[in-house]
């Protein structure tokens, strides 16, 4: 099976299917549990999020500090289900895709389908490999959260696969893990 090269801005029109392997380039934003909680507080207060959510990609990651001139240290995906309480709301606001690992709740799966969004999976334990795909990193919000602050990454050819496609197809259905 070949890999499909895509830019983050082209995800909505890519017609990807669950199981497709991609090499993703473009802009992604990191956010984990604490940042998602703050996103909800901002939205509840009518305040803007730290980046434009519509058409964006969130990577569930908290990279380690940069070393030797690299933009970040190790940067692997975190378990996605911890963000399930927040995910449908962000997808309903136009989030295009999420990068993480592991299965998602039925409510989140419905939100991916309802919004034509994608869940992209990265291989856990491959943080050094993924960090090599990050060409630039800038902290943009919640610096007090340390490695879990929100960062804007520029990525090049990050190896991912489609976990849940925009039609609701899922690699997790009928899987025997």
N, C-alpha and C. Protein backbone atom coordinates (compact mmCIF):
# COMPACT_ATOMS: atom_id res chain seq x y z
N UNK A 1 0.85 -1.19 0.00
CA UNK A 1 0.00 0.00 0.00
C UNK A 1 0.89 1.25 0.00
N UNK A 2 0.62 2.18 -0.86
CA UNK A 2 1.41 3.39 -0.93
C UNK A 2 0.90 4.44 0.05
N UNK A 3 1.74 5.40 0.31
CA UNK A 3 1.37 6.50 1.19
C UNK A 3 0.94 7.68 0.35
N UNK A 4 -0.04 8.41 0.85
CA UNK A 4 -0.58 9.57 0.16
C UNK A 4 0.03 10.81 0.77
N UNK A 5 0.66 11.65 -0.03
CA UNK A 5 1.24 12.90 0.46
C UNK A 5 0.16 13.97 0.44
N UNK A 6 -0.03 14.63 1.59
CA UNK A 6 -1.06 15.66 1.72
C UNK A 6 -0.57 16.83 2.54
N UNK A 7 -1.17 17.98 2.29
CA UNK A 7 -0.97 19.16 3.13
C UNK A 7 -2.20 19.29 4.02
N UNK A 8 -2.02 19.84 5.19
CA UNK A 8 -3.13 19.98 6.13
C UNK A 8 -4.30 20.75 5.52
N UNK A 9 -4.03 21.70 4.67
CA UNK A 9 -5.12 22.49 4.08
C UNK A 9 -5.93 21.70 3.04
N UNK A 10 -5.44 20.54 2.64
CA UNK A 10 -6.13 19.71 1.64
C UNK A 10 -6.87 18.51 2.23
N UNK A 11 -6.89 18.38 3.55
CA UNK A 11 -7.50 17.20 4.16
C UNK A 11 -8.98 17.07 3.85
N UNK A 12 -9.71 18.18 3.87
CA UNK A 12 -11.16 18.12 3.67
C UNK A 12 -11.54 17.59 2.30
N UNK A 13 -10.71 17.81 1.31
CA UNK A 13 -11.06 17.38 -0.05
C UNK A 13 -10.32 16.11 -0.48
N UNK A 14 -9.66 15.45 0.44
CA UNK A 14 -8.78 14.33 0.07
C UNK A 14 -9.50 13.00 -0.13
N UNK A 15 -10.75 12.86 0.32
CA UNK A 15 -11.50 11.61 0.18
C UNK A 15 -10.73 10.41 0.72
N UNK A 16 -10.24 10.55 1.94
CA UNK A 16 -9.49 9.48 2.59
C UNK A 16 -10.42 8.45 3.22
N UNK A 17 -9.93 7.24 3.34
CA UNK A 17 -10.69 6.14 3.93
C UNK A 17 -9.92 5.58 5.12
N UNK A 18 -10.65 5.04 6.08
CA UNK A 18 -10.03 4.41 7.24
C UNK A 18 -8.99 3.41 6.78
N UNK A 19 -7.81 3.49 7.36
CA UNK A 19 -6.71 2.61 6.99
C UNK A 19 -5.73 3.21 6.02
N UNK A 20 -6.11 4.29 5.31
CA UNK A 20 -5.17 4.92 4.37
C UNK A 20 -3.94 5.44 5.13
N UNK A 21 -2.79 5.25 4.51
CA UNK A 21 -1.54 5.77 5.07
C UNK A 21 -1.21 7.08 4.39
N UNK A 22 -0.86 8.09 5.20
CA UNK A 22 -0.54 9.39 4.62
C UNK A 22 0.77 9.92 5.18
N UNK A 23 1.36 10.83 4.43
CA UNK A 23 2.49 11.63 4.87
C UNK A 23 1.98 13.06 4.88
N UNK A 24 1.79 13.61 6.08
CA UNK A 24 1.14 14.91 6.23
C UNK A 24 2.15 16.03 6.44
N UNK A 25 1.94 17.11 5.71
CA UNK A 25 2.76 18.32 5.85
C UNK A 25 1.84 19.50 6.10
N UNK A 26 2.38 20.56 6.70
CA UNK A 26 1.58 21.76 6.93
C UNK A 26 1.64 22.21 8.37
N UNK A 27 0.56 22.83 8.83
CA UNK A 27 0.48 23.40 10.17
C UNK A 27 -0.44 22.57 11.05
N UNK A 28 0.04 22.24 12.25
CA UNK A 28 -0.79 21.57 13.26
C UNK A 28 -0.56 22.29 14.59
N UNK A 29 -1.52 22.13 15.49
CA UNK A 29 -1.44 22.75 16.82
C UNK A 29 -1.48 21.64 17.87
N UNK A 30 -0.58 21.74 18.86
CA UNK A 30 -0.59 20.75 19.93
C UNK A 30 -1.57 21.17 21.02
N UNK A 31 -2.23 20.18 21.61
CA UNK A 31 -3.11 20.44 22.75
C UNK A 31 -3.40 19.11 23.42
N UNK A 32 -3.31 19.13 24.75
CA UNK A 32 -3.65 17.94 25.54
C UNK A 32 -4.75 18.31 26.53
N UNK A 33 -4.92 17.52 27.55
CA UNK A 33 -6.01 17.63 28.50
C UNK A 33 -6.20 19.04 29.07
N UNK A 34 -5.15 19.57 29.69
CA UNK A 34 -5.27 20.87 30.36
C UNK A 34 -5.60 21.98 29.36
N UNK A 35 -5.01 21.94 28.18
CA UNK A 35 -5.30 22.96 27.16
C UNK A 35 -6.75 22.84 26.69
N UNK A 36 -7.24 21.62 26.54
CA UNK A 36 -8.63 21.44 26.12
C UNK A 36 -9.60 22.00 27.16
N UNK A 37 -9.29 21.80 28.41
CA UNK A 37 -10.14 22.36 29.47
C UNK A 37 -10.18 23.88 29.35
N UNK A 38 -9.03 24.47 29.09
CA UNK A 38 -8.98 25.93 28.92
C UNK A 38 -9.71 26.38 27.65
N UNK A 39 -9.64 25.58 26.60
CA UNK A 39 -10.40 25.91 25.38
C UNK A 39 -11.88 26.04 25.73
N UNK A 40 -12.39 25.09 26.50
CA UNK A 40 -13.81 25.10 26.86
C UNK A 40 -14.15 26.34 27.70
N UNK A 41 -13.26 26.71 28.61
CA UNK A 41 -13.48 27.90 29.43
C UNK A 41 -13.53 29.15 28.55
N UNK A 42 -12.60 29.24 27.58
CA UNK A 42 -12.60 30.38 26.66
C UNK A 42 -13.91 30.43 25.88
N UNK A 43 -14.32 29.29 25.32
CA UNK A 43 -15.55 29.26 24.54
C UNK A 43 -16.77 29.60 25.40
N UNK A 44 -16.81 29.07 26.63
CA UNK A 44 -17.93 29.36 27.54
C UNK A 44 -18.03 30.85 27.86
N UNK A 45 -16.87 31.52 27.88
CA UNK A 45 -16.83 32.96 28.18
C UNK A 45 -16.97 33.82 26.94
N UNK A 46 -17.11 33.21 25.77
CA UNK A 46 -17.24 33.96 24.53
C UNK A 46 -15.92 34.52 24.03
N UNK A 47 -14.81 33.98 24.54
CA UNK A 47 -13.48 34.44 24.12
C UNK A 47 -12.95 33.58 22.98
N UNK A 48 -12.06 34.14 22.16
CA UNK A 48 -11.51 33.36 21.04
C UNK A 48 -10.50 32.33 21.52
N UNK A 49 -10.39 31.27 20.75
CA UNK A 49 -9.35 30.27 21.00
C UNK A 49 -8.01 30.85 20.54
N UNK A 50 -6.89 30.26 20.98
CA UNK A 50 -5.58 30.82 20.62
C UNK A 50 -5.16 30.62 19.17
N UNK A 51 -5.96 29.93 18.40
CA UNK A 51 -5.71 29.76 16.96
C UNK A 51 -7.05 29.59 16.28
N UNK A 52 -7.12 29.85 14.98
CA UNK A 52 -8.40 29.69 14.27
C UNK A 52 -8.75 28.20 14.16
N UNK A 53 -9.85 27.81 14.78
CA UNK A 53 -10.21 26.39 14.86
C UNK A 53 -10.70 25.84 13.52
N UNK A 54 -11.41 26.65 12.75
CA UNK A 54 -11.98 26.15 11.50
C UNK A 54 -10.88 25.75 10.52
N UNK A 55 -10.94 24.48 10.09
CA UNK A 55 -9.97 23.96 9.14
C UNK A 55 -8.65 23.55 9.73
N UNK A 56 -8.51 23.66 11.04
CA UNK A 56 -7.24 23.35 11.70
C UNK A 56 -7.11 21.87 12.05
N UNK A 57 -5.88 21.51 12.43
CA UNK A 57 -5.55 20.16 12.87
C UNK A 57 -4.93 20.26 14.26
N UNK A 58 -5.46 19.48 15.20
CA UNK A 58 -4.89 19.41 16.54
C UNK A 58 -4.15 18.08 16.68
N UNK A 59 -2.94 18.16 17.22
CA UNK A 59 -2.10 17.00 17.50
C UNK A 59 -2.09 16.84 19.02
N UNK A 60 -2.61 15.74 19.51
CA UNK A 60 -2.61 15.46 20.94
C UNK A 60 -1.20 15.06 21.35
N UNK A 61 -0.38 16.05 21.69
CA UNK A 61 1.01 15.79 22.04
C UNK A 61 1.51 16.84 23.01
N UNK A 62 2.48 16.46 23.80
CA UNK A 62 3.18 17.38 24.69
C UNK A 62 4.67 17.13 24.51
N UNK A 63 5.28 17.79 23.54
CA UNK A 63 6.67 17.50 23.21
C UNK A 63 7.63 17.84 24.35
N UNK A 64 8.71 17.08 24.42
CA UNK A 64 9.76 17.38 25.38
C UNK A 64 10.57 18.58 24.85
N UNK A 65 11.34 19.22 25.74
CA UNK A 65 12.11 20.40 25.31
C UNK A 65 13.08 20.08 24.17
N UNK A 66 13.30 21.09 23.36
CA UNK A 66 14.20 20.98 22.21
C UNK A 66 15.64 20.81 22.66
N UNK A 67 16.41 20.08 21.85
CA UNK A 67 17.84 19.89 22.11
C UNK A 67 18.60 19.99 20.80
N UNK A 68 19.85 20.40 20.91
CA UNK A 68 20.77 20.38 19.77
C UNK A 68 20.24 21.07 18.52
N UNK A 69 19.56 22.21 18.69
CA UNK A 69 19.09 22.98 17.56
C UNK A 69 17.83 22.47 16.88
N UNK A 70 17.21 21.41 17.42
CA UNK A 70 15.97 20.90 16.86
C UNK A 70 14.78 21.71 17.40
N UNK A 71 13.67 21.77 16.67
CA UNK A 71 12.51 22.54 17.14
C UNK A 71 11.89 22.00 18.43
N UNK A 72 11.90 20.65 18.60
CA UNK A 72 11.34 19.99 19.78
C UNK A 72 12.19 18.76 20.10
N UNK A 73 11.97 18.22 21.29
CA UNK A 73 12.54 16.93 21.62
C UNK A 73 11.60 15.86 21.12
N UNK A 74 11.51 14.77 21.84
CA UNK A 74 10.60 13.70 21.47
C UNK A 74 9.16 14.21 21.46
N UNK A 75 8.35 13.71 20.53
CA UNK A 75 6.98 14.21 20.41
C UNK A 75 6.05 13.14 19.87
N UNK A 76 5.59 12.28 20.75
CA UNK A 76 4.66 11.23 20.35
C UNK A 76 3.23 11.59 20.71
N UNK A 77 2.27 10.85 20.17
CA UNK A 77 0.86 11.12 20.44
C UNK A 77 0.48 10.68 21.85
N UNK A 78 -0.48 11.37 22.44
CA UNK A 78 -1.03 10.95 23.72
C UNK A 78 -2.37 10.25 23.48
N UNK A 79 -2.83 9.52 24.47
CA UNK A 79 -4.08 8.77 24.35
C UNK A 79 -5.25 9.71 24.12
N UNK A 80 -5.91 9.53 23.01
CA UNK A 80 -6.94 10.45 22.54
C UNK A 80 -8.21 10.45 23.38
N UNK A 81 -8.56 9.33 23.96
CA UNK A 81 -9.84 9.24 24.68
C UNK A 81 -9.93 10.24 25.83
N UNK A 82 -8.80 10.70 26.33
CA UNK A 82 -8.84 11.69 27.42
C UNK A 82 -9.44 13.02 26.95
N UNK A 83 -9.43 13.28 25.65
CA UNK A 83 -9.99 14.52 25.11
C UNK A 83 -11.42 14.33 24.61
N UNK A 84 -11.97 13.12 24.73
CA UNK A 84 -13.32 12.85 24.22
C UNK A 84 -14.40 13.79 24.76
N UNK A 85 -14.36 14.21 26.04
CA UNK A 85 -15.41 15.12 26.50
C UNK A 85 -15.43 16.47 25.76
N UNK A 86 -14.31 16.87 25.20
CA UNK A 86 -14.18 18.18 24.55
C UNK A 86 -14.29 18.13 23.03
N UNK A 87 -14.03 16.97 22.47
CA UNK A 87 -13.85 16.85 21.02
C UNK A 87 -15.07 17.19 20.18
N UNK A 88 -16.28 16.70 20.51
CA UNK A 88 -17.41 17.04 19.64
C UNK A 88 -17.62 18.54 19.48
N UNK A 89 -17.45 19.29 20.55
CA UNK A 89 -17.65 20.74 20.46
C UNK A 89 -16.65 21.37 19.50
N UNK A 90 -15.40 20.95 19.56
CA UNK A 90 -14.38 21.51 18.66
C UNK A 90 -14.63 21.09 17.22
N UNK A 91 -15.04 19.85 17.01
CA UNK A 91 -15.37 19.41 15.65
C UNK A 91 -16.56 20.20 15.10
N UNK A 92 -17.54 20.46 15.95
CA UNK A 92 -18.71 21.24 15.52
C UNK A 92 -18.34 22.68 15.17
N UNK A 93 -17.20 23.16 15.68
CA UNK A 93 -16.72 24.51 15.34
C UNK A 93 -15.86 24.53 14.09
N UNK A 94 -15.66 23.35 13.47
CA UNK A 94 -14.95 23.31 12.19
C UNK A 94 -13.57 22.71 12.22
N UNK A 95 -13.15 22.12 13.34
CA UNK A 95 -11.86 21.44 13.38
C UNK A 95 -11.84 20.38 12.28
N UNK A 96 -10.79 20.37 11.46
CA UNK A 96 -10.74 19.48 10.31
C UNK A 96 -10.25 18.08 10.65
N UNK A 97 -9.28 18.01 11.57
CA UNK A 97 -8.68 16.70 11.87
C UNK A 97 -7.99 16.74 13.22
N UNK A 98 -7.81 15.55 13.76
CA UNK A 98 -7.11 15.36 15.02
C UNK A 98 -6.09 14.25 14.80
N UNK A 99 -4.91 14.43 15.39
CA UNK A 99 -3.87 13.41 15.38
C UNK A 99 -3.72 12.90 16.81
N UNK A 100 -3.80 11.59 16.97
CA UNK A 100 -3.65 11.00 18.30
C UNK A 100 -3.41 9.52 18.19
N UNK A 101 -3.79 8.80 19.26
CA UNK A 101 -3.68 7.34 19.24
C UNK A 101 -4.83 6.75 20.05
N UNK A 102 -5.29 5.59 19.62
CA UNK A 102 -6.32 4.87 20.33
C UNK A 102 -7.73 5.15 19.84
N UNK A 103 -8.64 4.30 20.26
CA UNK A 103 -10.04 4.38 19.85
C UNK A 103 -10.73 5.61 20.46
N UNK A 104 -11.86 5.98 19.89
CA UNK A 104 -12.65 7.12 20.35
C UNK A 104 -14.04 6.66 20.75
N UNK A 105 -14.71 7.47 21.56
CA UNK A 105 -16.06 7.14 22.04
C UNK A 105 -17.07 7.24 20.89
N UNK A 106 -18.24 6.60 21.05
CA UNK A 106 -19.27 6.71 20.02
C UNK A 106 -19.67 8.17 19.74
N UNK A 107 -19.74 9.02 20.76
CA UNK A 107 -20.11 10.42 20.55
C UNK A 107 -19.08 11.14 19.69
N UNK A 108 -17.81 10.84 19.90
CA UNK A 108 -16.76 11.46 19.09
C UNK A 108 -16.80 10.92 17.67
N UNK A 109 -17.01 9.62 17.52
CA UNK A 109 -17.12 9.04 16.17
C UNK A 109 -18.27 9.68 15.41
N UNK A 110 -19.39 9.89 16.07
CA UNK A 110 -20.53 10.56 15.44
C UNK A 110 -20.17 11.98 15.03
N UNK A 111 -19.39 12.67 15.86
CA UNK A 111 -19.00 14.05 15.55
C UNK A 111 -18.06 14.11 14.34
N UNK A 112 -17.15 13.13 14.21
CA UNK A 112 -16.30 13.09 13.02
C UNK A 112 -17.17 12.97 11.78
N UNK A 113 -18.12 12.04 11.81
CA UNK A 113 -18.98 11.83 10.65
C UNK A 113 -19.86 13.04 10.38
N UNK A 114 -20.48 13.58 11.43
CA UNK A 114 -21.38 14.74 11.30
C UNK A 114 -20.68 15.94 10.67
N UNK A 115 -19.40 16.09 10.97
CA UNK A 115 -18.65 17.26 10.51
C UNK A 115 -17.71 16.98 9.35
N UNK A 116 -17.69 15.75 8.86
CA UNK A 116 -16.80 15.42 7.74
C UNK A 116 -15.33 15.57 8.10
N UNK A 117 -15.01 15.33 9.37
CA UNK A 117 -13.64 15.49 9.86
C UNK A 117 -12.92 14.14 9.90
N UNK A 118 -11.63 14.18 10.20
CA UNK A 118 -10.79 12.99 10.19
C UNK A 118 -10.09 12.80 11.53
N UNK A 119 -9.93 11.54 11.90
CA UNK A 119 -9.08 11.17 13.04
C UNK A 119 -7.88 10.45 12.46
N UNK A 120 -6.72 11.06 12.61
CA UNK A 120 -5.48 10.51 12.09
C UNK A 120 -4.69 9.91 13.24
N UNK A 121 -4.17 8.73 13.05
CA UNK A 121 -3.45 8.05 14.11
C UNK A 121 -1.95 8.05 13.83
N UNK A 122 -1.21 8.29 14.91
CA UNK A 122 0.24 8.18 14.87
C UNK A 122 0.62 6.98 15.73
N UNK A 123 1.73 6.38 15.42
CA UNK A 123 2.18 5.22 16.17
C UNK A 123 2.74 5.66 17.51
N UNK A 124 2.19 5.12 18.59
CA UNK A 124 2.70 5.41 19.92
C UNK A 124 4.10 4.83 20.08
N UNK A 125 4.92 5.49 20.88
CA UNK A 125 6.28 5.03 21.10
C UNK A 125 7.26 5.45 20.03
N UNK A 126 6.80 6.24 19.07
CA UNK A 126 7.67 6.68 17.97
C UNK A 126 7.91 8.18 18.03
N UNK A 127 8.01 8.72 19.25
CA UNK A 127 8.16 10.16 19.43
C UNK A 127 9.40 10.74 18.78
N UNK A 128 10.50 10.00 18.76
CA UNK A 128 11.71 10.51 18.12
C UNK A 128 11.53 10.59 16.61
N UNK A 129 10.88 9.59 16.03
CA UNK A 129 10.60 9.59 14.59
C UNK A 129 9.70 10.78 14.23
N UNK A 130 8.62 10.95 14.99
CA UNK A 130 7.69 12.04 14.70
C UNK A 130 8.35 13.40 14.89
N UNK A 131 9.18 13.54 15.89
CA UNK A 131 9.88 14.81 16.13
C UNK A 131 10.73 15.20 14.92
N UNK A 132 11.26 14.22 14.23
CA UNK A 132 12.05 14.50 13.03
C UNK A 132 11.24 15.08 11.89
N UNK A 133 9.91 15.00 11.98
CA UNK A 133 9.03 15.56 10.95
C UNK A 133 8.61 16.99 11.27
N UNK A 134 8.99 17.48 12.44
CA UNK A 134 8.63 18.83 12.87
C UNK A 134 9.76 19.77 12.49
N UNK A 135 9.46 20.71 11.60
CA UNK A 135 10.50 21.61 11.10
C UNK A 135 10.51 22.95 11.81
N UNK A 136 9.41 23.28 12.50
CA UNK A 136 9.35 24.54 13.24
C UNK A 136 8.32 24.38 14.36
N UNK A 137 8.59 24.99 15.50
CA UNK A 137 7.67 24.95 16.63
C UNK A 137 7.66 26.31 17.33
N UNK A 138 6.46 26.78 17.63
CA UNK A 138 6.32 28.06 18.34
C UNK A 138 5.22 27.90 19.40
N UNK A 139 5.55 28.25 20.63
CA UNK A 139 4.54 28.24 21.69
C UNK A 139 3.62 29.42 21.47
N UNK A 140 2.29 29.15 21.46
CA UNK A 140 1.36 30.24 21.18
C UNK A 140 0.37 30.51 22.31
N UNK A 141 0.26 29.59 23.30
CA UNK A 141 -0.69 29.82 24.39
C UNK A 141 -0.40 28.93 25.59
N UNK A 142 -0.80 29.41 26.74
CA UNK A 142 -0.77 28.65 28.00
C UNK A 142 0.65 28.19 28.36
N UNK A 143 1.60 29.11 28.33
CA UNK A 143 3.00 28.79 28.64
C UNK A 143 3.15 28.14 30.01
N UNK A 144 2.26 28.48 30.94
CA UNK A 144 2.34 27.91 32.29
C UNK A 144 2.13 26.39 32.31
N UNK A 145 1.63 25.82 31.23
CA UNK A 145 1.41 24.38 31.17
C UNK A 145 2.67 23.60 30.77
N UNK A 146 3.78 24.31 30.54
CA UNK A 146 5.03 23.64 30.20
C UNK A 146 4.92 22.88 28.89
N UNK A 147 5.30 21.59 28.93
CA UNK A 147 5.29 20.80 27.68
C UNK A 147 3.88 20.65 27.12
N UNK A 148 2.86 20.90 27.94
CA UNK A 148 1.47 20.79 27.46
C UNK A 148 0.90 22.12 26.98
N UNK A 149 1.75 23.15 26.86
CA UNK A 149 1.27 24.41 26.29
C UNK A 149 0.85 24.17 24.84
N UNK A 150 0.11 25.12 24.30
CA UNK A 150 -0.31 25.00 22.90
C UNK A 150 0.81 25.53 22.02
N UNK A 151 1.20 24.71 21.06
CA UNK A 151 2.26 25.08 20.13
C UNK A 151 1.76 24.96 18.70
N UNK A 152 2.32 25.79 17.85
CA UNK A 152 2.06 25.69 16.40
C UNK A 152 3.29 25.02 15.80
N UNK A 153 3.05 23.91 15.14
CA UNK A 153 4.12 23.16 14.46
C UNK A 153 3.97 23.31 12.97
N UNK A 154 5.10 23.35 12.30
CA UNK A 154 5.15 23.10 10.87
C UNK A 154 5.72 21.70 10.74
N UNK A 155 4.99 20.84 10.04
CA UNK A 155 5.43 19.45 9.88
C UNK A 155 5.67 19.14 8.42
N UNK A 156 6.53 18.15 8.20
CA UNK A 156 6.81 17.70 6.83
C UNK A 156 6.83 16.18 6.81
N UNK A 157 5.94 15.61 6.00
CA UNK A 157 5.87 14.17 5.78
C UNK A 157 5.75 13.36 7.08
N UNK A 158 4.84 13.79 7.97
CA UNK A 158 4.59 13.03 9.19
C UNK A 158 3.80 11.77 8.83
N UNK A 159 4.34 10.59 9.17
CA UNK A 159 3.65 9.34 8.81
C UNK A 159 2.46 9.08 9.74
N UNK A 160 1.28 9.00 9.15
CA UNK A 160 0.03 8.80 9.90
C UNK A 160 -0.85 7.83 9.12
N UNK A 161 -1.89 7.36 9.76
CA UNK A 161 -2.90 6.60 9.04
C UNK A 161 -4.27 7.06 9.50
N UNK A 162 -5.25 6.90 8.65
CA UNK A 162 -6.60 7.35 8.94
C UNK A 162 -7.25 6.33 9.86
N UNK A 163 -7.57 6.78 11.08
CA UNK A 163 -8.22 5.91 12.06
C UNK A 163 -9.73 5.93 11.88
N UNK A 164 -10.28 7.14 11.71
CA UNK A 164 -11.72 7.32 11.46
C UNK A 164 -11.84 8.30 10.31
N UNK A 165 -12.55 7.90 9.27
CA UNK A 165 -12.68 8.78 8.11
C UNK A 165 -13.92 9.65 8.22
N UNK A 166 -14.08 10.56 7.29
CA UNK A 166 -15.16 11.55 7.34
C UNK A 166 -16.54 10.95 7.08
N UNK A 167 -16.59 9.68 6.68
CA UNK A 167 -17.87 8.98 6.50
C UNK A 167 -18.20 8.06 7.66
N UNK A 168 -17.34 8.05 8.67
CA UNK A 168 -17.57 7.19 9.83
C UNK A 168 -16.88 5.85 9.78
N UNK A 169 -16.16 5.58 8.69
CA UNK A 169 -15.39 4.35 8.61
C UNK A 169 -14.30 4.36 9.67
N UNK A 170 -14.05 3.22 10.30
CA UNK A 170 -13.12 3.18 11.42
C UNK A 170 -12.28 1.91 11.40
N UNK A 171 -11.00 2.07 11.66
CA UNK A 171 -10.13 0.89 11.80
C UNK A 171 -10.41 0.17 13.11
N UNK A 172 -11.11 0.81 14.03
CA UNK A 172 -11.37 0.23 15.35
C UNK A 172 -12.61 -0.66 15.38
N UNK A 173 -13.49 -0.53 14.40
CA UNK A 173 -14.68 -1.38 14.35
C UNK A 173 -14.26 -2.81 14.06
N UNK A 174 -14.79 -3.71 14.84
CA UNK A 174 -14.52 -5.14 14.68
C UNK A 174 -13.04 -5.50 14.80
N UNK A 175 -12.24 -4.62 15.39
CA UNK A 175 -10.83 -4.93 15.59
C UNK A 175 -10.70 -5.82 16.83
N UNK A 176 -9.75 -6.70 16.80
CA UNK A 176 -9.51 -7.56 17.97
C UNK A 176 -8.13 -7.23 18.52
N UNK A 177 -8.11 -6.29 19.46
CA UNK A 177 -6.85 -5.88 20.07
C UNK A 177 -6.64 -6.64 21.36
